[in-house]
């Protein structure tokens, strides 16, 4: 019978988490490209778009610092793979 530690450290779980994160990243990048192109069609300048992207990155990264602290706390309990999935995807919802 598999223990929790075996499941947490399984290569299948790692592959599923990586697959999920790649899917979500690709989905985000596709829609970023679509939105960027649509903004250019609407006549918004590249400089304005650059400023919006920079401010959005700052607004997204700074609050994430507390999530990184939570990641390190959960790694001790859940293992690195599950904590990574929990905070990167499920926590974002």
PDB file of N, CA and C in Angstrom:
ATOM      1  N   UNK A   1       0.844  -1.178   0.000  1.00  0.00           N
ATOM      2  CA  UNK A   1       0.000   0.000   0.000  1.00  0.00           C
ATOM      3  C   UNK A   1       0.895   1.250   0.000  1.00  0.00           C
ATOM      4  N   UNK A   2       0.549   2.195  -0.831  1.00  0.00           N
ATOM      5  CA  UNK A   2       1.349   3.413  -0.961  1.00  0.00           C
ATOM      6  C   UNK A   2       1.091   4.348   0.220  1.00  0.00           C
ATOM      7  N   UNK A   3       2.152   4.925   0.709  1.00  0.00           N
ATOM      8  CA  UNK A   3       2.019   5.902   1.785  1.00  0.00           C
ATOM      9  C   UNK A   3       1.902   7.303   1.173  1.00  0.00           C
ATOM     10  N   UNK A   4       1.535   8.245   2.006  1.00  0.00           N
ATOM     11  CA  UNK A   4       1.415   9.629   1.553  1.00  0.00           C
ATOM     12  C   UNK A   4       2.753  10.131   1.013  1.00  0.00           C
ATOM     13  N   UNK A   5       3.836   9.741   1.641  1.00  0.00           N
ATOM     14  CA  UNK A   5       5.165  10.175   1.203  1.00  0.00           C
ATOM     15  C   UNK A   5       5.474   9.629  -0.196  1.00  0.00           C
ATOM     16  N   UNK A   6       5.060   8.398  -0.486  1.00  0.00           N
ATOM     17  CA  UNK A   6       5.268   7.816  -1.816  1.00  0.00           C
ATOM     18  C   UNK A   6       4.488   8.587  -2.873  1.00  0.00           C
ATOM     19  N   UNK A   7       3.274   8.963  -2.537  1.00  0.00           N
ATOM     20  CA  UNK A   7       2.431   9.693  -3.489  1.00  0.00           C
ATOM     21  C   UNK A   7       2.988  11.090  -3.733  1.00  0.00           C
ATOM     22  N   UNK A   8       3.405  11.751  -2.665  1.00  0.00           N
ATOM     23  CA  UNK A   8       3.940  13.110  -2.785  1.00  0.00           C
ATOM     24  C   UNK A   8       5.188  13.143  -3.660  1.00  0.00           C
ATOM     25  N   UNK A   9       6.014  12.119  -3.566  1.00  0.00           N
ATOM     26  CA  UNK A   9       7.276  12.102  -4.296  1.00  0.00           C
ATOM     27  C   UNK A   9       7.199  11.318  -5.609  1.00  0.00           C
ATOM     28  N   UNK A  10       6.006  10.969  -6.055  1.00  0.00           N
ATOM     29  CA  UNK A  10       5.893  10.141  -7.257  1.00  0.00           C
ATOM     30  C   UNK A  10       6.195  10.941  -8.524  1.00  0.00           C
ATOM     31  N   UNK A  11       6.854  10.318  -9.498  1.00  0.00           N
ATOM     32  CA  UNK A  11       7.135  10.982 -10.770  1.00  0.00           C
ATOM     33  C   UNK A  11       5.862  11.318 -11.547  1.00  0.00           C
ATOM     34  N   UNK A  12       4.814  10.515 -11.378  1.00  0.00           N
ATOM     35  CA  UNK A  12       3.545  10.796 -12.056  1.00  0.00           C
ATOM     36  C   UNK A  12       2.963  12.119 -11.575  1.00  0.00           C
ATOM     37  N   UNK A  13       2.969  12.341 -10.269  1.00  0.00           N
ATOM     38  CA  UNK A  13       2.457  13.599  -9.728  1.00  0.00           C
ATOM     39  C   UNK A  13       3.282  14.773 -10.245  1.00  0.00           C
ATOM     40  N   UNK A  14       4.596  14.618 -10.278  1.00  0.00           N
ATOM     41  CA  UNK A  14       5.458  15.673 -10.793  1.00  0.00           C
ATOM     42  C   UNK A  14       5.137  15.969 -12.255  1.00  0.00           C
ATOM     43  N   UNK A  15       4.958  14.931 -13.067  1.00  0.00           N
ATOM     44  CA  UNK A  15       4.627  15.126 -14.483  1.00  0.00           C
ATOM     45  C   UNK A  15       3.276  15.804 -14.646  1.00  0.00           C
ATOM     46  N   UNK A  16       2.291  15.428 -13.848  1.00  0.00           N
ATOM     47  CA  UNK A  16       0.971  16.048 -13.934  1.00  0.00           C
ATOM     48  C   UNK A  16       1.009  17.524 -13.536  1.00  0.00           C
ATOM     49  N   UNK A  17       1.769  17.842 -12.501  1.00  0.00           N
ATOM     50  CA  UNK A  17       1.892  19.235 -12.065  1.00  0.00           C
ATOM     51  C   UNK A  17       2.592  20.061 -13.137  1.00  0.00           C
ATOM     52  N   UNK A  18       3.676  19.546 -13.696  1.00  0.00           N
ATOM     53  CA  UNK A  18       4.381  20.270 -14.752  1.00  0.00           C
ATOM     54  C   UNK A  18       3.475  20.460 -15.961  1.00  0.00           C
ATOM     55  N   UNK A  19       2.741  19.420 -16.325  1.00  0.00           N
ATOM     56  CA  UNK A  19       1.802  19.530 -17.447  1.00  0.00           C
ATOM     57  C   UNK A  19       0.737  20.589 -17.199  1.00  0.00           C
ATOM     58  N   UNK A  20       0.187  20.607 -15.995  1.00  0.00           N
ATOM     59  CA  UNK A  20      -0.817  21.613 -15.656  1.00  0.00           C
ATOM     60  C   UNK A  20      -0.270  23.020 -15.696  1.00  0.00           C
ATOM     61  N   UNK A  21       0.921  23.205 -15.166  1.00  0.00           N
ATOM     62  CA  UNK A  21       1.527  24.542 -15.169  1.00  0.00           C
ATOM     63  C   UNK A  21       1.888  24.998 -16.580  1.00  0.00           C
ATOM     64  N   UNK A  22       2.350  24.078 -17.423  1.00  0.00           N
ATOM     65  CA  UNK A  22       2.646  24.433 -18.818  1.00  0.00           C
ATOM     66  C   UNK A  22       1.380  24.814 -19.567  1.00  0.00           C
ATOM     67  N   UNK A  23       0.298  24.078 -19.322  1.00  0.00           N
ATOM     68  CA  UNK A  23      -0.986  24.386 -19.962  1.00  0.00           C
ATOM     69  C   UNK A  23      -1.479  25.774 -19.565  1.00  0.00           C
ATOM     70  N   UNK A  24      -1.425  26.071 -18.287  1.00  0.00           N
ATOM     71  CA  UNK A  24      -1.898  27.371 -17.804  1.00  0.00           C
ATOM     72  C   UNK A  24      -1.011  28.493 -18.328  1.00  0.00           C
ATOM     73  N   UNK A  25       0.295  28.278 -18.379  1.00  0.00           N
ATOM     74  CA  UNK A  25       1.212  29.290 -18.912  1.00  0.00           C
ATOM     75  C   UNK A  25       0.954  29.535 -20.391  1.00  0.00           C
ATOM     76  N   UNK A  26       0.776  28.473 -21.154  1.00  0.00           N
ATOM     77  CA  UNK A  26       0.503  28.618 -22.588  1.00  0.00           C
ATOM     78  C   UNK A  26      -0.820  29.341 -22.810  1.00  0.00           C
ATOM     79  N   UNK A  27      -1.828  28.988 -22.039  1.00  0.00           N
ATOM     80  CA  UNK A  27      -3.136  29.631 -22.145  1.00  0.00           C
ATOM     81  C   UNK A  27      -3.014  31.136 -21.884  1.00  0.00           C
ATOM     82  N   UNK A  28      -2.256  31.493 -20.851  1.00  0.00           N
ATOM     83  CA  UNK A  28      -2.061  32.903 -20.509  1.00  0.00           C
ATOM     84  C   UNK A  28      -1.314  33.648 -21.605  1.00  0.00           C
ATOM     85  N   UNK A  29      -0.283  33.032 -22.148  1.00  0.00           N
ATOM     86  CA  UNK A  29       0.508  33.688 -23.196  1.00  0.00           C
ATOM     87  C   UNK A  29      -0.292  33.876 -24.484  1.00  0.00           C
ATOM     88  N   UNK A  30      -1.127  32.911 -24.829  1.00  0.00           N
ATOM     89  CA  UNK A  30      -1.955  33.032 -26.040  1.00  0.00           C
ATOM     90  C   UNK A  30      -2.904  34.215 -25.901  1.00  0.00           C
ATOM     91  N   UNK A  31      -3.556  34.328 -24.760  1.00  0.00           N
ATOM     92  CA  UNK A  31      -4.498  35.435 -24.588  1.00  0.00           C
ATOM     93  C   UNK A  31      -3.800  36.773 -24.382  1.00  0.00           C
ATOM     94  N   UNK A  32      -2.591  36.774 -23.839  1.00  0.00           N
ATOM     95  CA  UNK A  32      -1.811  38.011 -23.771  1.00  0.00           C
ATOM     96  C   UNK A  32      -1.510  38.515 -25.178  1.00  0.00           C
ATOM     97  N   UNK A  33      -1.099  37.602 -26.056  1.00  0.00           N
ATOM     98  CA  UNK A  33      -0.794  37.964 -27.450  1.00  0.00           C
ATOM     99  C   UNK A  33      -2.036  38.486 -28.161  1.00  0.00           C
ATOM    100  N   UNK A  34      -3.178  37.812 -27.961  1.00  0.00           N
ATOM    101  CA  UNK A  34      -4.425  38.252 -28.591  1.00  0.00           C
ATOM    102  C   UNK A  34      -4.819  39.649 -28.104  1.00  0.00           C
ATOM    103  N   UNK A  35      -4.707  39.875 -26.813  1.00  0.00           N
ATOM    104  CA  UNK A  35      -5.067  41.183 -26.255  1.00  0.00           C
ATOM    105  C   UNK A  35      -4.115  42.265 -26.749  1.00  0.00           C
ATOM    106  N   UNK A  36      -2.836  41.953 -26.818  1.00  0.00           N
ATOM    107  CA  UNK A  36      -1.837  42.918 -27.281  1.00  0.00           C
ATOM    108  C   UNK A  36      -2.118  43.316 -28.730  1.00  0.00           C
ATOM    109  N   UNK A  37      -2.366  42.330 -29.578  1.00  0.00           N
ATOM    110  CA  UNK A  37      -2.656  42.619 -30.981  1.00  0.00           C
ATOM    111  C   UNK A  37      -3.943  43.422 -31.134  1.00  0.00           C
ATOM    112  N   UNK A  38      -4.941  43.110 -30.338  1.00  0.00           N
ATOM    113  CA  UNK A  38      -6.211  43.843 -30.419  1.00  0.00           C
ATOM    114  C   UNK A  38      -6.028  45.297 -29.968  1.00  0.00           C
ATOM    115  N   UNK A  39      -5.205  45.502 -28.957  1.00  0.00           N
ATOM    116  CA  UNK A  39      -4.930  46.869 -28.503  1.00  0.00           C
ATOM    117  C   UNK A  39      -4.234  47.669 -29.596  1.00  0.00           C
ATOM    118  N   UNK A  40      -3.310  47.037 -30.304  1.00  0.00           N
ATOM    119  CA  UNK A  40      -2.632  47.727 -31.402  1.00  0.00           C
ATOM    120  C   UNK A  40      -3.629  48.069 -32.512  1.00  0.00           C
ATOM    121  N   UNK A  41      -4.589  47.181 -32.771  1.00  0.00           N
ATOM    122  CA  UNK A  41      -5.623  47.455 -33.778  1.00  0.00           C
ATOM    123  C   UNK A  41      -6.497  48.627 -33.373  1.00  0.00           C
ATOM    124  N   UNK A  42      -6.712  48.784 -32.073  1.00  0.00           N
ATOM    125  CA  UNK A  42      -7.543  49.879 -31.580  1.00  0.00           C
ATOM    126  C   UNK A  42      -6.809  51.218 -31.569  1.00  0.00           C
ATOM    127  N   UNK A  43      -5.508  51.191 -31.853  1.00  0.00           N
ATOM    128  CA  UNK A  43      -4.744  52.428 -31.947  1.00  0.00           C
ATOM    129  C   UNK A  43      -3.977  52.797 -30.692  1.00  0.00           C
ATOM    130  N   UNK A  44      -3.875  51.902 -29.765  1.00  0.00           N
ATOM    131  CA  UNK A  44      -3.096  52.162 -28.558  1.00  0.00           C
ATOM    132  C   UNK A  44      -1.619  51.982 -28.905  1.00  0.00           C
ATOM    133  N   UNK A  45      -0.795  52.921 -28.473  1.00  0.00           N
ATOM    134  CA  UNK A  45       0.621  52.881 -28.841  1.00  0.00           C
ATOM    135  C   UNK A  45       1.367  51.796 -28.061  1.00  0.00           C
ATOM    136  N   UNK A  46       2.493  51.383 -28.635  1.00  0.00           N
ATOM    137  CA  UNK A  46       3.320  50.367 -27.985  1.00  0.00           C
ATOM    138  C   UNK A  46       3.870  50.879 -26.653  1.00  0.00           C
ATOM    139  N   UNK A  47       4.160  52.162 -26.560  1.00  0.00           N
ATOM    140  CA  UNK A  47       4.670  52.739 -25.316  1.00  0.00           C
ATOM    141  C   UNK A  47       3.613  52.656 -24.212  1.00  0.00           C
ATOM    142  N   UNK A  48       2.362  52.979 -24.547  1.00  0.00           N
ATOM    143  CA  UNK A  48       1.286  52.873 -23.557  1.00  0.00           C
ATOM    144  C   UNK A  48       1.096  51.418 -23.116  1.00  0.00           C
ATOM    145  N   UNK A  49       1.147  50.502 -24.080  1.00  0.00           N
ATOM    146  CA  UNK A  49       1.013  49.089 -23.745  1.00  0.00           C
ATOM    147  C   UNK A  49       2.171  48.621 -22.862  1.00  0.00           C
ATOM    148  N   UNK A  50       3.361  49.085 -23.162  1.00  0.00           N
ATOM    149  CA  UNK A  50       4.519  48.727 -22.360  1.00  0.00           C
ATOM    150  C   UNK A  50       4.351  49.196 -20.917  1.00  0.00           C
ATOM    151  N   UNK A  51       3.856  50.415 -20.737  1.00  0.00           N
ATOM    152  CA  UNK A  51       3.623  50.944 -19.389  1.00  0.00           C
ATOM    153  C   UNK A  51       2.561  50.129 -18.645  1.00  0.00           C
ATOM    154  N   UNK A  52       1.509  49.741 -19.350  1.00  0.00           N
ATOM    155  CA  UNK A  52       0.454  48.935 -18.727  1.00  0.00           C
ATOM    156  C   UNK A  52       0.999  47.567 -18.318  1.00  0.00           C
ATOM    157  N   UNK A  53       1.785  46.953 -19.182  1.00  0.00           N
ATOM    158  CA  UNK A  53       2.345  45.633 -18.877  1.00  0.00           C
ATOM    159  C   UNK A  53       3.295  45.721 -17.684  1.00  0.00           C
ATOM    160  N   UNK A  54       4.140  46.750 -17.641  1.00  0.00           N
ATOM    161  CA  UNK A  54       5.076  46.905 -16.522  1.00  0.00           C
ATOM    162  C   UNK A  54       4.333  47.101 -15.201  1.00  0.00           C
ATOM    163  N   UNK A  55       3.324  47.964 -15.191  1.00  0.00           N
ATOM    164  CA  UNK A  55       2.585  48.199 -13.948  1.00  0.00           C
ATOM    165  C   UNK A  55       1.811  46.954 -13.533  1.00  0.00           C
ATOM    166  N   UNK A  56       1.295  46.199 -14.490  1.00  0.00           N
ATOM    167  CA  UNK A  56       0.587  44.961 -14.165  1.00  0.00           C
ATOM    168  C   UNK A  56       1.527  43.913 -13.580  1.00  0.00           C
ATOM    169  N   UNK A  57       2.745  43.838 -14.118  1.00  0.00           N
ATOM    170  CA  UNK A  57       3.728  42.895 -13.576  1.00  0.00           C
ATOM    171  C   UNK A  57       4.078  43.235 -12.132  1.00  0.00           C
ATOM    172  N   UNK A  58       4.284  44.512 -11.865  1.00  0.00           N
ATOM    173  CA  UNK A  58       4.612  44.934 -10.501  1.00  0.00           C
ATOM    174  C   UNK A  58       3.449  44.632  -9.568  1.00  0.00           C
ATOM    175  N   UNK A  59       2.227  44.923 -10.026  1.00  0.00           N
ATOM    176  CA  UNK A  59       1.030  44.688  -9.220  1.00  0.00           C
ATOM    177  C   UNK A  59       0.828  43.199  -8.961  1.00  0.00           C
ATOM    178  N   UNK A  60       1.316  42.345  -9.853  1.00  0.00           N
ATOM    179  CA  UNK A  60       1.177  40.898  -9.690  1.00  0.00           C
ATOM    180  C   UNK A  60       2.297  40.279  -8.866  1.00  0.00           C
ATOM    181  N   UNK A  61       3.511  40.774  -9.017  1.00  0.00           N
ATOM    182  CA  UNK A  61       4.664  40.148  -8.374  1.00  0.00           C
ATOM    183  C   UNK A  61       4.761  40.497  -6.894  1.00  0.00           C
ATOM    184  N   UNK A  62       4.546  41.735  -6.534  1.00  0.00           N
ATOM    185  CA  UNK A  62       4.738  42.154  -5.143  1.00  0.00           C
ATOM    186  C   UNK A  62       3.821  41.380  -4.187  1.00  0.00           C
ATOM    187  N   UNK A  63       2.518  41.248  -4.452  1.00  0.00           N
ATOM    188  CA  UNK A  63       1.700  40.443  -3.532  1.00  0.00           C
ATOM    189  C   UNK A  63       2.091  38.959  -3.518  1.00  0.00           C
ATOM    190  N   UNK A  64       2.760  38.492  -4.553  1.00  0.00           N
ATOM    191  CA  UNK A  64       3.153  37.082  -4.632  1.00  0.00           C
ATOM    192  C   UNK A  64       4.261  36.735  -3.657  1.00  0.00           C
ATOM    193  N   UNK A  65       4.928  37.706  -3.123  1.00  0.00           N
ATOM    194  CA  UNK A  65       6.009  37.426  -2.179  1.00  0.00           C
ATOM    195  C   UNK A  65       5.488  36.672  -0.955  1.00  0.00           C
ATOM    196  N   UNK A  66       4.294  37.024  -0.489  1.00  0.00           N
ATOM    197  CA  UNK A  66       3.732  36.291   0.649  1.00  0.00           C
ATOM    198  C   UNK A  66       3.370  34.868   0.253  1.00  0.00           C
ATOM    199  N   UNK A  67       3.007  34.655  -1.004  1.00  0.00           N
ATOM    200  CA  UNK A  67       2.690  33.310  -1.484  1.00  0.00           C
ATOM    201  C   UNK A  67       3.951  32.451  -1.500  1.00  0.00           C
ATOM    202  N   UNK A  68       5.089  33.041  -1.840  1.00  0.00           N
ATOM    203  CA  UNK A  68       6.350  32.298  -1.838  1.00  0.00           C
ATOM    204  C   UNK A  68       6.703  31.852  -0.424  1.00  0.00           C
ATOM    205  N   UNK A  69       6.453  32.700   0.555  1.00  0.00           N
ATOM    206  CA  UNK A  69       6.685  32.310   1.946  1.00  0.00           C
ATOM    207  C   UNK A  69       5.783  31.124   2.297  1.00  0.00           C
ATOM    208  N   UNK A  70       4.527  31.198   1.869  1.00  0.00           N
ATOM    209  CA  UNK A  70       3.604  30.087   2.100  1.00  0.00           C
ATOM    210  C   UNK A  70       4.062  28.809   1.420  1.00  0.00           C
ATOM    211  N   UNK A  71       4.667  28.933   0.254  1.00  0.00           N
ATOM    212  CA  UNK A  71       5.190  27.773  -0.454  1.00  0.00           C
ATOM    213  C   UNK A  71       6.244  27.061   0.388  1.00  0.00           C
ATOM    214  N   UNK A  72       7.174  27.805   0.948  1.00  0.00           N
ATOM    215  CA  UNK A  72       8.224  27.191   1.747  1.00  0.00           C
ATOM    216  C   UNK A  72       7.667  26.549   3.016  1.00  0.00           C
ATOM    217  N   UNK A  73       6.609  27.120   3.572  1.00  0.00           N
ATOM    218  CA  UNK A  73       5.988  26.520   4.747  1.00  0.00           C
ATOM    219  C   UNK A  73       5.300  25.210   4.370  1.00  0.00           C
ATOM    220  N   UNK A  74       4.589  25.199   3.236  1.00  0.00           N
ATOM    221  CA  UNK A  74       3.874  23.997   2.817  1.00  0.00           C
ATOM    222  C   UNK A  74       4.802  22.881   2.338  1.00  0.00           C
ATOM    223  N   UNK A  75       5.982  23.232   1.850  1.00  0.00           N
ATOM    224  CA  UNK A  75       6.920  22.202   1.381  1.00  0.00           C
ATOM    225  C   UNK A  75       7.262  21.236   2.513  1.00  0.00           C
ATOM    226  N   UNK A  76       7.387  21.754   3.716  1.00  0.00           N
ATOM    227  CA  UNK A  76       7.724  20.887   4.848  1.00  0.00           C
ATOM    228  C   UNK A  76       6.604  19.891   5.143  1.00  0.00           C
ATOM    229  N   UNK A  77       5.364  20.275   4.874  1.00  0.00           N
ATOM    230  CA  UNK A  77       4.225  19.425   5.199  1.00  0.00           C
ATOM    231  C   UNK A  77       3.802  18.564   4.018  1.00  0.00           C
ATOM    232  N   UNK A  78       3.676  19.159   2.844  1.00  0.00           N
ATOM    233  CA  UNK A  78       3.106  18.479   1.680  1.00  0.00           C
ATOM    234  C   UNK A  78       4.121  17.979   0.666  1.00  0.00           C
ATOM    235  N   UNK A  79       5.345  18.388   0.783  1.00  0.00           N
ATOM    236  CA  UNK A  79       6.329  18.066  -0.248  1.00  0.00           C
ATOM    237  C   UNK A  79       6.334  19.154  -1.306  1.00  0.00           C
ATOM    238  N   UNK A  80       7.392  19.228  -2.059  1.00  0.00           N
ATOM    239  CA  UNK A  80       7.554  20.356  -2.973  1.00  0.00           C
ATOM    240  C   UNK A  80       6.584  20.332  -4.150  1.00  0.00           C
ATOM    241  N   UNK A  81       6.285  19.169  -4.695  1.00  0.00           N
ATOM    242  CA  UNK A  81       5.427  19.101  -5.881  1.00  0.00           C
ATOM    243  C   UNK A  81       4.013  19.548  -5.559  1.00  0.00           C
ATOM    244  N   UNK A  82       3.418  18.994  -4.531  1.00  0.00           N
ATOM    245  CA  UNK A  82       2.031  19.323  -4.210  1.00  0.00           C
ATOM    246  C   UNK A  82       1.908  20.776  -3.735  1.00  0.00           C
ATOM    247  N   UNK A  83       2.870  21.257  -2.948  1.00  0.00           N
ATOM    248  CA  UNK A  83       2.832  22.645  -2.500  1.00  0.00           C
ATOM    249  C   UNK A  83       2.943  23.594  -3.689  1.00  0.00           C
ATOM    250  N   UNK A  84       3.773  23.236  -4.646  1.00  0.00           N
ATOM    251  CA  UNK A  84       3.952  24.034  -5.856  1.00  0.00           C
ATOM    252  C   UNK A  84       2.639  24.135  -6.618  1.00  0.00           C
ATOM    253  N   UNK A  85       1.962  23.010  -6.804  1.00  0.00           N
ATOM    254  CA  UNK A  85       0.670  22.995  -7.497  1.00  0.00           C
ATOM    255  C   UNK A  85      -0.373  23.759  -6.704  1.00  0.00           C
ATOM    256  N   UNK A  86      -0.434  23.546  -5.430  1.00  0.00           N
ATOM    257  CA  UNK A  86      -1.447  24.162  -4.580  1.00  0.00           C
ATOM    258  C   UNK A  86      -1.373  25.675  -4.637  1.00  0.00           C
ATOM    259  N   UNK A  87      -0.181  26.222  -4.567  1.00  0.00           N
ATOM    260  CA  UNK A  87      -0.043  27.666  -4.516  1.00  0.00           C
ATOM    261  C   UNK A  87      -0.011  28.319  -5.882  1.00  0.00           C
ATOM    262  N   UNK A  88       0.405  27.629  -6.899  1.00  0.00           N
ATOM    263  CA  UNK A  88       0.508  28.258  -8.208  1.00  0.00           C
ATOM    264  C   UNK A  88      -0.801  28.252  -8.967  1.00  0.00           C
ATOM    265  N   UNK A  89      -1.608  27.246  -8.810  1.00  0.00           N
ATOM    266  CA  UNK A  89      -2.840  27.135  -9.592  1.00  0.00           C
ATOM    267  C   UNK A  89      -4.072  27.267  -8.712  1.00  0.00           C
ATOM    268  N   UNK A  90      -4.220  26.379  -7.782  1.00  0.00           N
ATOM    269  CA  UNK A  90      -5.431  26.376  -6.966  1.00  0.00           C
ATOM    270  C   UNK A  90      -5.515  27.636  -6.130  1.00  0.00           C
ATOM    271  N   UNK A  91      -4.403  28.102  -5.599  1.00  0.00           N
ATOM    272  CA  UNK A  91      -4.404  29.328  -4.798  1.00  0.00           C
ATOM    273  C   UNK A  91      -4.738  30.567  -5.613  1.00  0.00           C
ATOM    274  N   UNK A  92      -4.485  30.530  -6.908  1.00  0.00           N
ATOM    275  CA  UNK A  92      -4.782  31.661  -7.765  1.00  0.00           C
ATOM    276  C   UNK A  92      -6.278  31.831  -8.018  1.00  0.00           C
ATOM    277  N   UNK A  93      -7.012  30.741  -7.895  1.00  0.00           N
ATOM    278  CA  UNK A  93      -8.448  30.796  -8.125  1.00  0.00           C
ATOM    279  C   UNK A  93      -9.119  31.590  -7.040  1.00  0.00           C
TER     280      UNK A  93
END
